[in-house]
Amino acid sequence: MGVIFTLSSLSSLPSAEKIWWDYILKKTAHMVEYGIFYFLMIRALGERTKRNYLIAFLVCVVYAISDEIHQSFTPGRHPKPTDVGYDSLGMVVVYLKSRGLI
């Protein structure tokens, strides 16, 4: 959570020269950082039950939403609801992988 908060506090992030490549890199970063966050939340909750998977998912989604709100107060940054979607997609990939579905 600290890493995510710190990155959200930066006014600008390094950018790739090509716009489409920059977009892919940044959205992939969203998926990876929230996938890792979700994985760590599942581990912190202990027993791998459906309830704990859901609790971890909800905590991470609420944090993703709060992160976008936080960005609205950071000069040069803008909140994007679609970023919460990319964050959630990263969590879904981790969930599917942890359950042996992919």
Protein backbone atom coordinates (compact mmCIF):
# COMPACT_ATOMS: atom_id res chain seq x y z
CA MET A 1 0.00 0.00 0.00
CA GLY A 2 2.90 2.32 0.74
CA VAL A 3 4.43 1.79 -2.70
CA ILE A 4 1.10 2.47 -4.40
CA PHE A 5 0.54 5.60 -2.29
CA THR A 6 4.06 6.86 -3.04
CA LEU A 7 3.68 6.34 -6.79
CA SER A 8 0.32 8.14 -6.70
CA SER A 9 1.96 11.07 -4.93
CA LEU A 10 4.32 11.75 -7.82
CA SER A 11 3.24 14.62 -10.06
CA SER A 12 4.46 12.79 -13.13
CA LEU A 13 5.75 9.36 -13.96
CA PRO A 14 8.36 8.46 -16.58
CA SER A 15 6.77 8.13 -20.01
CA ALA A 16 7.61 6.14 -23.10
CA GLU A 17 8.11 8.06 -26.33
CA LYS A 18 5.22 6.42 -28.14
CA ILE A 19 1.79 7.14 -26.67
CA TRP A 20 0.45 3.61 -27.23
CA TRP A 21 3.52 2.04 -25.60
CA ASP A 22 3.21 4.41 -22.62
CA TYR A 23 -0.45 3.42 -22.25
CA ILE A 24 0.36 -0.30 -22.32
CA LEU A 25 3.19 0.07 -19.78
CA LYS A 26 1.14 2.12 -17.33
CA LYS A 27 -1.95 -0.08 -17.48
CA THR A 28 0.20 -3.20 -17.10
CA ALA A 29 1.81 -1.57 -14.05
CA HIS A 30 -1.67 -1.06 -12.58
CA MET A 31 -2.49 -4.73 -13.09
CA VAL A 32 0.81 -5.94 -11.65
CA GLU A 33 0.88 -3.72 -8.56
CA TYR A 34 -2.71 -4.53 -7.61
CA GLY A 35 -2.22 -8.21 -8.46
CA ILE A 36 0.67 -8.26 -5.99
CA PHE A 37 -1.37 -6.31 -3.44
CA TYR A 38 -4.26 -8.78 -3.78
CA PHE A 39 -1.90 -11.76 -3.46
CA LEU A 40 -0.42 -10.30 -0.27
CA MET A 41 -3.89 -9.57 1.15
CA ILE A 42 -4.92 -13.20 0.56
CA ARG A 43 -1.79 -14.40 2.35
CA ALA A 44 -2.38 -12.00 5.23
CA LEU A 45 -5.92 -13.32 5.72
CA GLY A 46 -4.57 -16.86 6.19
CA GLU A 47 -6.92 -19.64 5.24
CA ARG A 48 -7.81 -19.57 1.55
CA THR A 49 -11.58 -19.60 1.69
CA LYS A 50 -14.01 -17.99 -0.74
CA ARG A 51 -14.86 -15.51 1.99
CA ASN A 52 -11.23 -14.45 2.39
CA TYR A 53 -10.76 -14.15 -1.37
CA LEU A 54 -13.79 -11.85 -1.43
CA ILE A 55 -12.63 -9.81 1.56
CA ALA A 56 -9.19 -9.34 -0.03
CA PHE A 57 -10.81 -8.31 -3.33
CA LEU A 58 -13.09 -5.78 -1.64
CA VAL A 59 -10.27 -4.27 0.42
CA CYS A 60 -8.13 -3.91 -2.70
CA VAL A 61 -10.95 -2.38 -4.77
CA VAL A 62 -11.75 0.13 -2.02
CA TYR A 63 -8.05 1.01 -1.85
CA ALA A 64 -7.93 1.38 -5.65
CA ILE A 65 -10.86 3.80 -5.48
CA SER A 66 -9.21 5.75 -2.65
CA ASP A 67 -6.00 5.84 -4.69
CA GLU A 68 -7.83 7.49 -7.58
CA ILE A 69 -9.35 10.02 -5.17
CA HIS A 70 -5.85 10.64 -3.78
CA GLN A 71 -4.60 11.33 -7.31
CA SER A 72 -7.22 14.06 -7.73
CA PHE A 73 -5.31 16.05 -5.07
CA THR A 74 -1.91 15.49 -6.72
CA PRO A 75 -0.87 18.23 -9.18
CA GLY A 76 -0.48 16.86 -12.70
CA ARG A 77 -2.47 13.68 -11.95
CA HIS A 78 -6.08 12.93 -12.77
CA PRO A 79 -8.34 10.20 -11.36
CA LYS A 80 -9.54 7.67 -13.90
CA PRO A 81 -12.29 5.17 -13.07
CA THR A 82 -10.89 2.91 -15.79
CA ASP A 83 -7.72 2.53 -13.73
CA VAL A 84 -9.78 0.86 -11.00
CA GLY A 85 -10.90 -1.55 -13.73
CA TYR A 86 -7.29 -2.34 -14.67
CA ASP A 87 -6.45 -2.77 -10.98
CA SER A 88 -9.37 -5.19 -10.62
CA LEU A 89 -8.31 -7.07 -13.73
CA GLY A 90 -4.91 -7.68 -12.14
CA MET A 91 -6.64 -9.05 -9.05
CA VAL A 92 -8.88 -11.32 -11.13
CA VAL A 93 -5.84 -12.78 -12.91
CA VAL A 94 -4.21 -13.55 -9.54
CA TYR A 95 -7.45 -15.09 -8.27
CA LEU A 96 -7.81 -17.32 -11.34
CA LYS A 97 -4.18 -18.35 -11.16
CA SER A 98 -4.34 -19.12 -7.43
CA ARG A 99 -7.43 -21.29 -7.95
CA GLY A 100 -5.76 -23.17 -10.82
CA LEU A 101 -8.24 -21.87 -13.38
CA ILE A 102 -5.55 -20.52 -15.72
